[in-house]
């Protein structure tokens, strides 16, 4: 049996290069961890989609099941789950995030 929330997530992450599941949205993050990831993505000036898990409890739980990762935010790039705030922050600091963007054809404009 298919899971409608998982189908929605698959559709989101395979039809957008960068997707961030977060608390709030890019204009108004509602937690510090989500705000940090938004700041990082904005710093690199890449186009991304956000989905506010606070507006949909089934999405909030569904994304955790889908990724097998217990926390929000969650960042996906070209369909691949990269991680949450700490991982994204570390990847940004050591150059891995830019390298990953470039390796999948996304040109950051930092």
Protein backbone atom coordinates (compact mmCIF):
# COMPACT_ATOMS: atom_id res chain seq x y z
CA UNK A 1 0.00 0.00 0.00
CA UNK A 2 1.30 3.44 -0.85
CA UNK A 3 1.71 6.17 1.73
CA UNK A 4 0.22 9.48 0.48
CA UNK A 5 2.62 11.58 2.58
CA UNK A 6 5.65 9.65 1.33
CA UNK A 7 4.36 10.03 -2.24
CA UNK A 8 4.07 13.79 -1.67
CA UNK A 9 7.62 13.93 -0.28
CA UNK A 10 8.99 11.93 -3.22
CA UNK A 11 7.24 14.30 -5.60
CA UNK A 12 8.67 17.33 -3.77
CA UNK A 13 12.27 16.14 -3.65
CA UNK A 14 12.41 14.75 -7.18
CA UNK A 15 10.80 17.78 -8.82
CA UNK A 16 12.90 20.42 -7.05
CA UNK A 17 16.68 20.59 -6.89
CA UNK A 18 16.81 21.72 -3.25
CA UNK A 19 14.05 21.13 -0.71
CA UNK A 20 14.07 22.11 2.95
CA UNK A 21 11.52 20.67 5.36
CA UNK A 22 11.51 23.13 8.21
CA UNK A 23 9.56 24.82 10.96
CA UNK A 24 8.17 27.96 9.37
CA UNK A 25 9.22 29.16 5.95
CA UNK A 26 12.16 30.96 4.37
CA UNK A 27 10.68 34.37 5.17
CA UNK A 28 9.78 33.48 8.75
CA UNK A 29 11.65 30.49 10.20
CA UNK A 30 10.09 29.39 13.47
CA UNK A 31 13.09 27.75 15.08
CA UNK A 32 16.76 28.58 15.27
CA UNK A 33 17.89 25.41 13.50
CA UNK A 34 15.59 26.08 10.54
CA UNK A 35 16.75 29.71 10.47
CA UNK A 36 20.38 28.58 10.34
CA UNK A 37 19.82 26.34 7.31
CA UNK A 38 17.86 29.11 5.55
CA UNK A 39 20.77 31.52 6.22
CA UNK A 40 23.23 29.03 4.74
CA UNK A 41 21.14 28.45 1.62
CA UNK A 42 20.62 32.19 1.20
CA UNK A 43 24.35 32.80 1.64
CA UNK A 44 25.07 30.47 -1.27
CA UNK A 45 22.26 32.13 -3.23
CA UNK A 46 20.73 28.88 -4.45
CA UNK A 47 17.10 28.40 -5.38
CA UNK A 48 15.23 26.17 -2.92
CA UNK A 49 11.74 25.17 -1.90
CA UNK A 50 10.57 25.03 1.70
CA UNK A 51 7.78 23.06 3.33
CA UNK A 52 6.49 24.11 6.73
CA UNK A 53 5.99 21.00 8.86
CA UNK A 54 4.16 23.03 11.49
CA UNK A 55 1.21 23.44 9.12
CA UNK A 56 0.77 19.71 8.53
CA UNK A 57 1.23 17.14 11.28
CA UNK A 58 1.17 14.26 8.79
CA UNK A 59 4.06 15.87 6.90
CA UNK A 60 5.94 16.54 10.15
CA UNK A 61 5.81 12.86 11.10
CA UNK A 62 5.98 11.59 7.52
CA UNK A 63 9.28 13.30 6.73
CA UNK A 64 10.86 11.76 9.83
CA UNK A 65 9.69 8.31 8.73
CA UNK A 66 10.73 8.86 5.13
CA UNK A 67 14.29 9.90 5.97
CA UNK A 68 14.62 7.80 9.11
CA UNK A 69 15.92 11.00 10.73
CA UNK A 70 14.24 12.19 13.95
CA UNK A 71 14.66 15.95 13.72
CA UNK A 72 13.63 18.94 11.63
CA UNK A 73 14.95 20.73 9.55
CA UNK A 74 15.86 18.27 6.83
CA UNK A 75 17.64 19.24 3.62
CA UNK A 76 17.36 17.34 0.33
CA UNK A 77 19.49 18.09 -2.72
CA UNK A 78 18.63 16.43 -6.05
CA UNK A 79 16.55 13.82 -4.23
CA UNK A 80 19.25 12.97 -1.69
CA UNK A 81 18.85 13.58 2.03
CA UNK A 82 21.89 15.54 3.24
CA UNK A 83 20.99 16.00 6.89
CA UNK A 84 19.82 18.47 9.46
CA UNK A 85 21.16 21.74 10.75
CA UNK A 86 24.42 20.50 12.30
CA UNK A 87 25.41 18.49 9.23
CA UNK A 88 24.52 21.30 6.81
CA UNK A 89 26.38 23.84 8.96
CA UNK A 90 29.49 21.61 9.07
CA UNK A 91 29.32 20.93 5.32
CA UNK A 92 29.04 24.66 4.63
CA UNK A 93 31.98 25.48 6.90
CA UNK A 94 34.38 22.91 5.43
CA UNK A 95 33.47 23.41 1.77
CA UNK A 96 31.61 20.12 1.33
CA UNK A 97 28.25 21.79 0.69
CA UNK A 98 29.55 23.88 -2.21
CA UNK A 99 31.37 20.84 -3.59
CA UNK A 100 28.18 18.80 -3.34
CA UNK A 101 26.12 21.50 -5.05
CA UNK A 102 28.65 21.69 -7.88
CA UNK A 103 28.86 17.90 -8.22
CA UNK A 104 25.13 17.68 -8.91
CA UNK A 105 25.02 20.67 -11.26
CA UNK A 106 23.89 23.41 -8.87
CA UNK A 107 25.98 26.56 -9.12
CA UNK A 108 26.17 28.41 -5.79
CA UNK A 109 26.72 32.13 -6.10
CA UNK A 110 28.53 32.92 -2.86
